[in-house]
Protein backbone atom coordinates (compact mmCIF):
# COMPACT_ATOMS: atom_id res chain seq x y z
CA UNK A 1 69.32 41.10 -20.02
CA UNK A 2 65.95 39.42 -20.40
CA UNK A 3 65.29 36.99 -23.23
CA UNK A 4 62.83 39.45 -24.77
CA UNK A 5 65.36 42.28 -24.69
CA UNK A 6 67.93 39.99 -26.27
CA UNK A 7 65.56 39.13 -29.11
CA UNK A 8 64.97 42.82 -29.78
CA UNK A 9 68.53 44.08 -29.46
CA UNK A 10 70.26 41.23 -31.25
CA UNK A 11 71.26 41.54 -34.90
CA UNK A 12 70.02 38.39 -36.57
CA UNK A 13 71.39 36.62 -39.59
CA UNK A 14 67.84 36.46 -40.98
CA UNK A 15 64.47 37.89 -39.99
CA UNK A 16 61.54 36.15 -41.69
CA UNK A 17 58.14 37.86 -41.77
CA UNK A 18 55.50 35.13 -41.87
CA UNK A 19 55.52 31.43 -41.01
CA UNK A 20 53.53 29.97 -43.90
CA UNK A 21 54.74 27.57 -46.55
CA UNK A 22 57.45 29.89 -47.85
CA UNK A 23 58.69 31.54 -44.66
CA UNK A 24 58.76 28.50 -42.38
CA UNK A 25 60.36 26.25 -45.01
CA UNK A 26 63.08 28.80 -45.75
CA UNK A 27 63.68 29.49 -42.06
CA UNK A 28 63.93 25.79 -41.25
CA UNK A 29 66.59 25.26 -43.94
CA UNK A 30 68.60 28.32 -42.82
CA UNK A 31 68.37 27.52 -39.09
CA UNK A 32 69.37 23.91 -39.77
CA UNK A 33 72.45 25.27 -41.57
CA UNK A 34 73.43 27.25 -38.47
CA UNK A 35 72.01 30.69 -39.22
CA UNK A 36 70.39 32.71 -36.44
CA UNK A 37 66.75 33.07 -37.50
CA UNK A 38 63.93 35.15 -36.02
CA UNK A 39 60.37 34.59 -37.24
CA UNK A 40 57.86 37.43 -36.96
CA UNK A 41 54.26 36.19 -37.14
CA UNK A 42 51.31 38.59 -37.17
CA UNK A 43 48.91 35.96 -35.84
CA UNK A 44 49.08 33.73 -32.81
CA UNK A 45 51.25 30.71 -32.20
CA UNK A 46 49.08 27.59 -32.15
CA UNK A 47 51.99 25.23 -31.48
CA UNK A 48 51.18 24.86 -27.77
CA UNK A 49 48.18 27.15 -27.28
CA UNK A 50 45.51 25.46 -25.17
CA UNK A 51 43.07 28.18 -26.26
CA UNK A 52 43.41 27.39 -29.96
CA UNK A 53 40.13 26.42 -31.62
CA UNK A 54 40.77 23.14 -33.44
CA UNK A 55 38.67 20.57 -35.23
CA UNK A 56 35.94 22.79 -36.69
CA UNK A 57 35.33 25.98 -38.62
CA UNK A 58 35.73 29.26 -36.73
CA UNK A 59 32.14 30.16 -37.68
CA UNK A 60 30.80 27.31 -35.54
CA UNK A 61 32.13 29.16 -32.46
CA UNK A 62 30.27 32.40 -33.25
CA UNK A 63 27.37 33.35 -30.98
CA UNK A 64 25.03 32.90 -33.94
CA UNK A 65 25.42 31.89 -37.62
CA UNK A 66 26.79 34.78 -39.71
CA UNK A 67 29.63 35.61 -42.06
CA UNK A 68 32.93 36.60 -40.42
CA UNK A 69 33.13 40.25 -39.38
CA UNK A 70 35.74 42.33 -37.50
CA UNK A 71 33.83 41.73 -34.25
CA UNK A 72 34.81 38.06 -34.57
CA UNK A 73 38.55 38.84 -34.57
CA UNK A 74 39.23 37.04 -31.28
CA UNK A 75 37.59 33.79 -32.43
CA UNK A 76 39.11 33.98 -35.90
CA UNK A 77 42.58 34.54 -34.44
CA UNK A 78 42.28 31.56 -32.09
CA UNK A 79 41.15 29.45 -35.07
CA UNK A 80 44.17 30.37 -37.21
CA UNK A 81 42.14 32.56 -39.55
CA UNK A 82 42.62 36.05 -40.94
CA UNK A 83 40.47 38.64 -39.17
CA UNK A 84 41.25 41.74 -41.24
CA UNK A 85 38.78 43.10 -43.77
CA UNK A 86 39.65 43.60 -47.42
CA UNK A 87 37.75 46.05 -49.60
CA UNK A 88 36.85 44.93 -53.12
CA UNK A 89 36.59 47.82 -55.60
CA UNK A 90 36.25 45.60 -58.66
CA UNK A 91 32.66 46.63 -59.37
CA UNK A 92 30.57 49.78 -59.02
CA UNK A 93 29.35 48.57 -55.62
CA UNK A 94 32.33 48.21 -53.33
CA UNK A 95 32.15 45.58 -50.60
CA UNK A 96 34.21 44.50 -47.64
CA UNK A 97 34.93 40.94 -46.57
CA UNK A 98 37.35 38.93 -44.48
CA UNK A 99 39.26 36.57 -46.81
CA UNK A 100 39.36 32.87 -46.00
CA UNK A 101 43.12 32.66 -45.49
CA UNK A 102 45.29 31.72 -42.54
CA UNK A 103 46.86 33.93 -39.88
CA UNK A 104 49.07 32.45 -37.20
CA UNK A 105 51.83 29.87 -37.10
CA UNK A 106 51.72 27.95 -40.36
CA UNK A 107 49.92 30.78 -42.18
CA UNK A 108 47.39 29.46 -44.67
CA UNK A 109 49.02 26.01 -44.59
CA UNK A 110 47.55 25.60 -41.07
CA UNK A 111 44.08 25.44 -42.64
CA UNK A 112 44.91 24.21 -46.16
CA UNK A 113 43.56 21.04 -47.76
CA UNK A 114 47.03 19.42 -47.81
CA UNK A 115 47.15 18.97 -51.62
CA UNK A 116 50.86 19.24 -52.55
CA UNK A 117 50.95 19.05 -56.34
CA UNK A 118 53.79 20.04 -58.65
CA UNK A 119 53.35 22.51 -61.44
CA UNK A 120 53.79 21.01 -64.91
CA UNK A 121 56.85 21.93 -66.96
CA UNK A 122 54.39 23.69 -69.30
CA UNK A 123 53.64 26.13 -66.48
CA UNK A 124 57.17 27.49 -66.74
CA UNK A 125 56.60 28.61 -70.36
CA UNK A 126 53.09 30.00 -69.89
CA UNK A 127 52.53 32.36 -72.85
CA UNK A 128 52.83 29.64 -75.49
CA UNK A 129 49.56 28.08 -74.29
CA UNK A 130 47.38 31.17 -74.86
CA UNK A 131 46.33 32.79 -78.12
CA UNK A 132 44.87 36.02 -76.71
CA UNK A 133 47.22 37.66 -74.20
CA UNK A 134 46.60 41.26 -75.27
CA UNK A 135 45.78 42.57 -71.80
CA UNK A 136 47.95 40.11 -69.90
CA UNK A 137 51.52 40.48 -68.67
CA UNK A 138 52.01 36.72 -68.98
CA UNK A 139 55.75 36.13 -69.55
CA UNK A 140 57.20 33.87 -72.20
CA UNK A 141 58.89 31.90 -69.43
CA UNK A 142 59.72 31.93 -65.75
CA UNK A 143 63.28 33.00 -64.87
CA UNK A 144 63.87 29.42 -63.70
CA UNK A 145 62.98 26.16 -65.46
CA UNK A 146 61.08 23.13 -64.26
CA UNK A 147 64.34 21.18 -64.40
CA UNK A 148 65.98 23.67 -62.02
CA UNK A 149 63.14 23.32 -59.52
CA UNK A 150 62.71 19.54 -59.84
CA UNK A 151 65.27 18.49 -57.19
CA UNK A 152 63.68 20.91 -54.75
CA UNK A 153 60.24 19.50 -55.56
CA UNK A 154 61.61 16.10 -54.58
CA UNK A 155 63.12 17.51 -51.39
CA UNK A 156 59.87 19.29 -50.45
CA UNK A 157 57.83 16.13 -51.06
CA UNK A 158 60.10 14.22 -48.69
CA UNK A 159 60.13 16.99 -46.11
CA UNK A 160 56.32 17.32 -46.03
CA UNK A 161 55.82 13.53 -46.20
CA UNK A 162 53.60 13.75 -49.27
CA UNK A 163 51.52 10.64 -50.01
CA UNK A 164 50.00 9.79 -53.39
CA UNK A 165 50.49 7.90 -56.64
CA UNK A 166 52.10 9.05 -59.91
CA UNK A 167 50.04 11.09 -62.36
CA UNK A 168 50.07 9.01 -65.59
CA UNK A 169 50.16 12.21 -67.69
CA UNK A 170 53.36 13.59 -66.15
CA UNK A 171 55.86 11.10 -67.55
CA UNK A 172 59.16 11.64 -65.75
CA UNK A 173 57.91 14.79 -64.01
CA UNK A 174 57.20 12.87 -60.83
CA UNK A 175 58.95 11.07 -58.02
CA UNK A 176 58.34 8.25 -55.57
CA UNK A 177 55.82 9.37 -52.94
CA UNK A 178 54.79 7.72 -49.70
CA UNK A 179 51.87 5.32 -50.24
CA UNK A 180 48.37 6.64 -49.52
CA UNK A 181 45.69 4.58 -47.77
CA UNK A 182 43.10 2.74 -49.85
CA UNK A 183 40.38 5.05 -51.18
CA UNK A 184 36.83 4.86 -49.89
CA UNK A 185 34.33 2.88 -52.03
CA UNK A 186 32.77 6.02 -53.49
CA UNK A 187 36.12 7.43 -54.63
CA UNK A 188 37.13 4.05 -56.06
CA UNK A 189 33.87 3.92 -58.02
CA UNK A 190 34.46 7.42 -59.41
CA UNK A 191 38.08 6.58 -60.24
CA UNK A 192 36.96 3.48 -62.19
CA UNK A 193 34.31 5.53 -63.97
CA UNK A 194 36.82 8.17 -65.09
CA UNK A 195 39.30 5.54 -66.26
CA UNK A 196 36.55 3.82 -68.29
CA UNK A 197 35.93 7.19 -69.98
CA UNK A 198 39.54 7.25 -71.15
CA UNK A 199 40.81 9.65 -68.46
CA UNK A 200 43.83 9.21 -66.21
CA UNK A 201 42.88 9.51 -62.52
CA UNK A 202 45.45 9.03 -59.77
CA UNK A 203 45.72 9.47 -56.02
CA UNK A 204 46.06 13.16 -55.13
CA UNK A 205 49.45 13.99 -53.54
CA UNK A 206 48.61 15.00 -49.98
CA UNK A 207 50.76 16.10 -47.02
CA UNK A 208 48.73 14.04 -44.59
CA UNK A 209 49.49 11.30 -42.06
CA UNK A 210 45.97 9.79 -42.21
CA UNK A 211 45.95 9.00 -38.49
CA UNK A 212 42.94 7.39 -36.83
CA UNK A 213 39.95 9.71 -37.08
CA UNK A 214 41.42 11.72 -39.98
CA UNK A 215 38.71 13.36 -42.07
CA UNK A 216 40.96 15.10 -44.58
CA UNK A 217 40.01 18.35 -42.85
CA UNK A 218 40.48 21.78 -44.37
CA UNK A 219 39.41 25.28 -43.41
CA UNK A 220 40.28 24.84 -39.73
CA UNK A 221 43.12 23.83 -37.43
CA UNK A 222 43.63 20.07 -37.42
CA UNK A 223 42.54 18.30 -34.26
CA UNK A 224 44.13 14.92 -35.03
CA UNK A 225 47.80 15.76 -35.77
CA UNK A 226 47.48 14.49 -39.32
CA UNK A 227 48.02 17.70 -41.33
CA UNK A 228 51.64 18.26 -42.34
CA UNK A 229 51.61 22.05 -42.45
CA UNK A 230 54.60 24.39 -42.34
CA UNK A 231 54.26 24.96 -38.58
CA UNK A 232 54.50 21.27 -37.78
CA UNK A 233 57.06 20.25 -40.41
CA UNK A 234 59.37 23.29 -40.41
CA UNK A 235 58.66 25.96 -37.81
CA UNK A 236 58.47 23.76 -34.74
CA UNK A 237 61.74 21.87 -35.43
CA UNK A 238 63.45 25.15 -36.35
CA UNK A 239 62.49 26.47 -32.89
CA UNK A 240 63.10 23.32 -30.84
CA UNK A 241 66.09 21.77 -32.63
CA UNK A 242 67.94 24.57 -34.42
CA UNK A 243 67.76 27.57 -32.06
CA UNK A 244 65.43 29.74 -34.14
CA UNK A 245 63.12 32.14 -32.30
CA UNK A 246 59.54 33.30 -32.83
CA UNK A 247 57.72 36.52 -32.04
CA UNK A 248 54.00 35.88 -32.52
CA UNK A 249 51.34 38.59 -32.31
CA UNK A 250 54.01 40.64 -34.08
CA UNK A 251 52.78 42.72 -37.03
CA UNK A 252 55.41 44.21 -39.29
CA UNK A 253 54.39 47.78 -40.07
CA UNK A 254 57.17 48.78 -42.45
CA UNK A 255 60.79 48.26 -43.39
CA UNK A 256 63.37 51.01 -42.94
CA UNK A 257 65.80 51.10 -45.86
CA UNK A 258 68.45 53.08 -47.63
CA UNK A 259 68.58 53.10 -51.40
CA UNK A 260 70.47 49.80 -51.35
CA UNK A 261 69.58 47.81 -48.20
CA UNK A 262 67.02 47.20 -45.48
CA UNK A 263 68.23 48.51 -42.13
CA UNK A 264 65.31 47.83 -39.81
CA UNK A 265 62.04 45.94 -39.42
CA UNK A 266 59.49 48.10 -37.61
CA UNK A 267 56.93 45.98 -35.75
CA UNK A 268 53.99 46.25 -33.43
CA UNK A 269 54.52 43.52 -30.84
CA UNK A 270 51.89 43.18 -28.14
CA UNK A 271 50.97 46.81 -28.92
CA UNK A 272 54.52 48.06 -28.42
CA UNK A 273 56.44 49.42 -31.41
CA UNK A 274 59.97 48.14 -31.83
CA UNK A 275 62.62 47.92 -34.52
CA UNK A 276 64.41 44.66 -35.26
CA UNK A 277 67.61 44.29 -37.25
CA UNK A 278 69.12 41.56 -39.40
CA UNK A 279 71.67 41.00 -42.13
CA UNK A 280 68.90 39.62 -44.37
CA UNK A 281 65.15 40.33 -44.27
CA UNK A 282 62.67 37.95 -45.90
CA UNK A 283 59.02 38.77 -46.55
CA UNK A 284 56.72 35.75 -46.53
CA UNK A 285 53.52 37.31 -45.22
CA UNK A 286 51.38 36.26 -48.21
CA UNK A 287 50.53 37.82 -51.55
CA UNK A 288 48.18 40.35 -49.91
CA UNK A 289 50.27 41.38 -46.90
CA UNK A 290 53.74 41.37 -48.48
CA UNK A 291 52.95 44.11 -51.05
CA UNK A 292 51.19 46.03 -48.28
CA UNK A 293 54.39 46.07 -46.21
CA UNK A 294 56.42 47.23 -49.22
CA UNK A 295 53.96 49.98 -50.12
CA UNK A 296 53.78 51.12 -46.49
CA UNK A 297 57.60 51.35 -46.50
CA UNK A 298 57.69 54.31 -48.89
CA UNK A 299 60.47 56.78 -48.05
CA UNK A 300 62.49 59.52 -49.77
CA UNK A 301 64.78 56.77 -51.07
CA UNK A 302 61.79 54.74 -52.28
CA UNK A 303 58.96 57.23 -52.89
CA UNK A 304 56.59 54.72 -54.52
CA UNK A 305 57.17 51.93 -52.02
CA UNK A 306 60.14 49.77 -51.18
CA UNK A 307 61.48 47.65 -54.07
CA UNK A 308 58.96 49.36 -56.35
CA UNK A 309 61.08 51.05 -59.01
CA UNK A 310 59.19 48.92 -61.55
CA UNK A 311 55.81 50.11 -60.24
CA UNK A 312 54.68 46.46 -60.07
CA UNK A 313 54.41 45.93 -56.31
CA UNK A 314 50.82 44.82 -55.70
CA UNK A 315 50.01 44.42 -59.39
CA UNK A 316 49.32 41.25 -61.44
CA UNK A 317 47.09 39.79 -58.72
CA UNK A 318 45.98 36.21 -59.49
CA UNK A 319 43.75 33.89 -57.43
CA UNK A 320 42.70 30.90 -59.61
CA UNK A 321 39.19 30.20 -60.89
CA UNK A 322 37.74 27.42 -58.73
CA UNK A 323 34.38 25.68 -59.15
CA UNK A 324 33.01 22.81 -57.06
CA UNK A 325 31.06 19.77 -58.28
CA UNK A 326 29.03 17.63 -55.87
CA UNK A 327 28.97 14.20 -57.52
CA UNK A 328 26.61 11.50 -56.23
CA UNK A 329 28.16 8.01 -56.57
CA UNK A 330 26.03 4.89 -56.74
CA UNK A 331 27.91 3.51 -53.73
CA UNK A 332 26.90 5.68 -50.79
CA UNK A 333 28.20 3.56 -47.96
CA UNK A 334 31.56 4.39 -46.44
CA UNK A 335 31.94 8.01 -47.56
CA UNK A 336 34.43 8.99 -44.83
CA UNK A 337 33.86 12.73 -44.63
CA UNK A 338 34.77 13.35 -48.28
CA UNK A 339 38.50 12.71 -48.00
CA UNK A 340 40.69 14.32 -50.64
CA UNK A 341 41.58 11.19 -52.60
CA UNK A 342 41.64 11.44 -56.39
CA UNK A 343 42.62 13.86 -59.16
CA UNK A 344 43.03 13.98 -62.93
CA UNK A 345 44.77 16.38 -65.31
CA UNK A 346 43.34 15.39 -68.70
CA UNK A 347 42.08 18.96 -69.21
CA UNK A 348 45.18 20.73 -67.92
CA UNK A 349 45.99 21.49 -71.55
CA UNK A 350 43.30 20.27 -73.91
CA UNK A 351 42.40 21.13 -77.49
CA UNK A 352 45.04 23.85 -77.62
CA UNK A 353 43.62 25.57 -74.50
CA UNK A 354 44.99 25.60 -70.98
CA UNK A 355 42.55 24.95 -68.14
CA UNK A 356 43.74 23.21 -64.97
CA UNK A 357 43.38 20.31 -62.59
CA UNK A 358 40.36 18.48 -61.16
CA UNK A 359 40.72 16.98 -57.70
CA UNK A 360 38.80 15.82 -54.66
CA UNK A 361 37.91 18.87 -52.60
CA UNK A 362 37.24 17.18 -49.28
CA UNK A 363 34.50 17.91 -46.80
CA UNK A 364 32.32 20.97 -47.29
CA UNK A 365 31.76 23.49 -44.48
CA UNK A 366 28.70 22.92 -42.28
CA UNK A 367 25.34 23.86 -43.80
CA UNK A 368 24.82 26.99 -41.67
CA UNK A 369 28.24 28.35 -42.70
CA UNK A 370 27.48 27.82 -46.40
CA UNK A 371 24.00 29.32 -46.13
CA UNK A 372 25.24 32.49 -44.43
CA UNK A 373 27.86 32.89 -47.16
CA UNK A 374 25.19 32.41 -49.86
CA UNK A 375 22.97 35.07 -48.29
CA UNK A 376 25.89 37.53 -48.10
CA UNK A 377 26.68 36.92 -51.79
CA UNK A 378 23.06 37.76 -52.65
CA UNK A 379 23.27 40.97 -50.61
CA UNK A 380 26.35 41.96 -52.61
CA UNK A 381 24.79 40.97 -55.95
CA UNK A 382 23.10 43.31 -58.45
CA UNK A 383 19.76 42.08 -57.00
CA UNK A 384 20.16 42.47 -53.22
CA UNK A 385 16.38 42.09 -52.76
CA UNK A 386 16.89 38.37 -53.53
CA UNK A 387 18.60 38.07 -50.14
CA UNK A 388 15.27 38.82 -48.41
CA UNK A 389 13.55 35.97 -50.23
CA UNK A 390 16.48 33.65 -49.56
CA UNK A 391 16.28 34.45 -45.84
CA UNK A 392 12.79 32.92 -45.72
CA UNK A 393 14.09 29.67 -47.22
CA UNK A 394 17.26 29.38 -45.10
CA UNK A 395 16.07 26.61 -42.75
CA UNK A 396 15.06 24.42 -45.68
CA UNK A 397 18.25 25.18 -47.62
CA UNK A 398 20.43 24.24 -44.61
CA UNK A 399 18.71 20.88 -44.34
CA UNK A 400 18.93 20.16 -48.06
CA UNK A 401 22.62 21.11 -48.33
CA UNK A 402 23.57 19.02 -45.32
CA UNK A 403 21.79 16.01 -46.81
CA UNK A 404 23.26 16.48 -50.29
CA UNK A 405 26.86 16.99 -49.25
CA UNK A 406 26.85 14.03 -46.87
CA UNK A 407 25.96 11.78 -49.84
CA UNK A 408 28.33 13.26 -52.43
CA UNK A 409 31.98 13.43 -53.38
CA UNK A 410 33.07 17.03 -53.96
CA UNK A 411 35.42 17.73 -56.86
CA UNK A 412 37.25 21.04 -57.30
CA UNK A 413 38.09 22.34 -60.77
CA UNK A 414 41.09 24.68 -60.43
CA UNK A 415 41.78 26.82 -63.50
CA UNK A 416 44.70 29.13 -64.19
CA UNK A 417 44.01 32.86 -64.34
CA UNK A 418 46.32 35.31 -66.08
CA UNK A 419 48.38 38.19 -64.64
CA UNK A 420 46.98 41.61 -65.52
CA UNK A 421 48.46 44.87 -64.19
CA UNK A 422 45.07 46.35 -63.36
CA UNK A 423 44.29 43.39 -61.11
CA UNK A 424 46.04 44.49 -57.99
CA UNK A 425 46.42 45.05 -54.26
CA UNK A 426 46.29 48.68 -53.15
CA UNK A 427 46.16 50.69 -49.92
CA UNK A 428 43.30 52.97 -48.94
CA UNK A 429 43.93 56.63 -48.31
CA UNK A 430 41.77 56.53 -45.16
CA UNK A 431 43.11 54.47 -42.22
CA UNK A 432 41.07 51.71 -40.60
CA UNK A 433 40.03 51.59 -36.93
CA UNK A 434 43.60 50.60 -35.97
CA UNK A 435 45.16 53.53 -37.82
CA UNK A 436 46.49 51.42 -40.70
CA UNK A 437 45.74 51.66 -44.39
CA UNK A 438 42.94 49.32 -45.41
CA UNK A 439 43.78 46.64 -47.96
CA UNK A 440 42.00 47.07 -51.28
CA UNK A 441 41.82 44.63 -54.17
CA UNK A 442 40.77 45.20 -57.74
CA UNK A 443 40.24 42.07 -59.80
CA UNK A 444 38.20 41.78 -62.97
CA UNK A 445 37.95 38.74 -65.23
CA UNK A 446 38.36 39.35 -68.96
CA UNK A 447 36.10 37.95 -71.71
CA UNK A 448 38.74 35.38 -72.65
CA UNK A 449 38.79 34.16 -69.04
CA UNK A 450 34.99 33.88 -68.97
CA UNK A 451 35.12 31.87 -72.19
CA UNK A 452 37.65 29.44 -70.69
CA UNK A 453 35.60 29.08 -67.50
CA UNK A 454 32.54 28.26 -69.62
CA UNK A 455 34.48 25.78 -71.76
CA UNK A 456 35.94 24.03 -68.69
CA UNK A 457 32.46 23.70 -67.20
CA UNK A 458 31.13 22.20 -70.43
CA UNK A 459 33.96 19.66 -70.54
CA UNK A 460 33.28 18.55 -66.97
CA UNK A 461 29.51 18.39 -67.49
CA UNK A 462 30.08 16.09 -70.44
CA UNK A 463 32.58 13.85 -68.70
CA UNK A 464 30.53 13.44 -65.50
CA UNK A 465 27.40 12.24 -67.26
CA UNK A 466 25.43 10.09 -66.51
CA UNK A 467 26.22 10.79 -62.84
CA UNK A 468 23.92 13.14 -60.99
CA UNK A 469 25.94 16.16 -59.91
CA UNK A 470 25.53 19.75 -58.81
CA UNK A 471 27.78 22.58 -60.00
CA UNK A 472 28.61 25.13 -57.32
CA UNK A 473 29.93 28.15 -59.20
CA UNK A 474 32.75 29.93 -57.37
CA UNK A 475 35.09 31.01 -60.16
CA UNK A 476 33.67 34.52 -60.50
CA UNK A 477 33.66 35.23 -56.76
CA UNK A 478 36.48 37.60 -55.77
CA UNK A 479 36.29 36.49 -52.16
CA UNK A 480 37.93 33.21 -53.14
CA UNK A 481 41.52 34.23 -52.39
CA UNK A 482 42.97 31.03 -50.95
CA UNK A 483 45.42 30.74 -53.88
CA UNK A 484 46.21 34.45 -54.20
CA UNK A 485 49.60 35.06 -55.84
CA UNK A 486 51.64 37.18 -58.23
CA UNK A 487 51.81 40.58 -56.54
CA UNK A 488 55.65 40.77 -56.39
CA UNK A 489 56.68 38.72 -59.42
CA UNK A 490 60.20 37.55 -60.08
CA UNK A 491 61.98 37.92 -63.41
CA UNK A 492 65.18 38.87 -65.16
CA UNK A 493 64.29 42.45 -66.18
CA UNK A 494 64.12 44.95 -63.28
CA UNK A 495 61.67 47.02 -65.30
CA UNK A 496 59.24 44.09 -65.59
CA UNK A 497 59.59 42.44 -62.19
CA UNK A 498 60.01 43.15 -58.47
CA UNK A 499 62.40 40.30 -57.68
CA UNK A 500 65.31 38.68 -59.47
CA UNK A 501 65.57 34.97 -60.33
CA UNK A 502 66.74 34.18 -56.77
CA UNK A 503 63.80 36.04 -55.21
CA UNK A 504 65.93 38.98 -54.08
CA UNK A 505 64.40 42.41 -54.56
CA UNK A 506 65.92 44.36 -57.45
CA UNK A 507 68.17 47.13 -56.15
CA UNK A 508 68.33 45.88 -52.56
CA UNK A 509 71.17 43.70 -51.31
CA UNK A 510 69.36 41.99 -48.43
CA UNK A 511 65.60 41.78 -49.09
CA UNK A 512 63.92 38.58 -50.32
CA UNK A 513 60.31 37.49 -50.91
CA UNK A 514 59.42 33.78 -50.79
CA UNK A 515 55.63 33.57 -50.50
CA UNK A 516 53.33 33.16 -53.52
CA UNK A 517 53.82 36.83 -54.40
CA UNK A 518 56.76 35.80 -56.59
CA UNK A 519 54.67 33.81 -59.13
CA UNK A 520 54.72 35.40 -62.62
CA UNK A 521 51.85 33.07 -63.60
CA UNK A 522 49.45 31.08 -61.44
CA UNK A 523 49.64 27.62 -63.00
CA UNK A 524 46.61 25.37 -62.94
CA UNK A 525 47.01 23.57 -59.62
CA UNK A 526 47.66 24.12 -55.92
CA UNK A 527 50.57 26.49 -55.19
CA UNK A 528 51.81 25.03 -51.87
CA UNK A 529 54.45 22.60 -53.11
CA UNK A 530 55.90 25.13 -55.56
CA UNK A 531 56.19 27.70 -52.75
CA UNK A 532 57.96 25.19 -50.50
CA UNK A 533 60.26 23.89 -53.25
CA UNK A 534 61.25 27.42 -54.25
CA UNK A 535 61.95 28.33 -50.61
CA UNK A 536 64.38 25.41 -50.41
CA UNK A 537 65.99 26.58 -53.66
CA UNK A 538 66.35 30.14 -52.34
CA UNK A 539 67.79 28.92 -49.03
CA UNK A 540 70.54 27.13 -50.93
CA UNK A 541 71.31 30.28 -52.96
CA UNK A 542 71.44 32.37 -49.78
CA UNK A 543 73.74 29.93 -48.01
CA UNK A 544 76.12 29.78 -50.94
CA UNK A 545 76.23 33.60 -51.06
CA UNK A 546 76.92 33.97 -47.32
């Protein structure tokens, strides 16, 4: 029997769909404990692929500058990026775009900015921090507490070799991290400035080795072996040390299930359809793809989609509101590619309102990439004729942006958004060119959200003065889906959640979800560490139950 036939015919202890922060971390822990684990990854394996495009944005390999389109699928796939279009029906004018998320070994962690920040304990009791939650499904509390997750936070920080310094505002909600390198002069100047204003800056926790030549890259596959993503930290050792196996270029089409258990994982592998079997099936394909698989798995036993008795699969979509600030320090020498170095949380909860974190963003994409994105946004705006005028100014704009960003430190303001049932992932009735349902999102900000966005911007404008800075508004842009979450929330009530407190699907004995779909609220900071910590928690629950 060939190795391939053995992989297909074998009944595994666990099949994990997706190799991002949740799937790879869970699979590593289970394989290390002796379980037979098979990973199914829709994208390519970049672990030893000589054709992988590393060290720069996928767009720089296009024949000419333009926004990503389906015709670029080969380049996007080799660069670890998603190549599938999403349709946005949030406004009267629908539009299609390819989201800036990962696809391939490591998932989105293969292109993430390496910020590995804990949620605050306040994030686990989210409703108490909002006065107007009329339209929101924000829960009073998560089904687990910060204290329950804390030991797994510590374990995930060690596993991913997180470097940083303690946040002064967290008290005992922190642990000893590996030391970071000294900040560049510009970051040190900004840190001193913020501290003099009465704020509490610290070194951003980052899963980075800071090897020679490290630029704190994000948005593309690392070319210097400094990014500690889930492929490097968990997937590769699971495969090489603990006998796990990987099928890449393997898209899960649906799950076959009875009323009480999953019986088969139907995949398209190198264009051949096959059915895999396991005692336990784990979805970790991301908060867009996981609900898609469940909805595509509708059957007589599950007429509205697998695990969807609550009707909540795909609903409560959250993505964070993120703005960028280009700040121009007085010290301009030694800006090393805008490394992600500092953060502060003084406005996480401020004046009775909850906002979020502010942190170094890192290097911006090249000027041509930004300009093409700006032109596309104008085409999709209520005044598409403005795109024609912008086209005339593109050469000048490219030059100006390149000059500005090379002399600035970019800060990202990340603000929590609230779960709302109408904000959701859906499937189109008409199939795409590959015969599959097209992914659709609907996401609309409420007036209360717009008011918080405005208030957060005003606070940051005031605190950054007298520095010269430029606000790059991104919060209202639905294409910003890097932190997408919430579409298969966990909870205690089967009528109000898709998963139970241990991330097992209600009503199914052997189906789990461990990507960011499980979030019942989005928090106000990066989701990666919480996904990894929860995956370690779930692995322990699964091992104890086996």
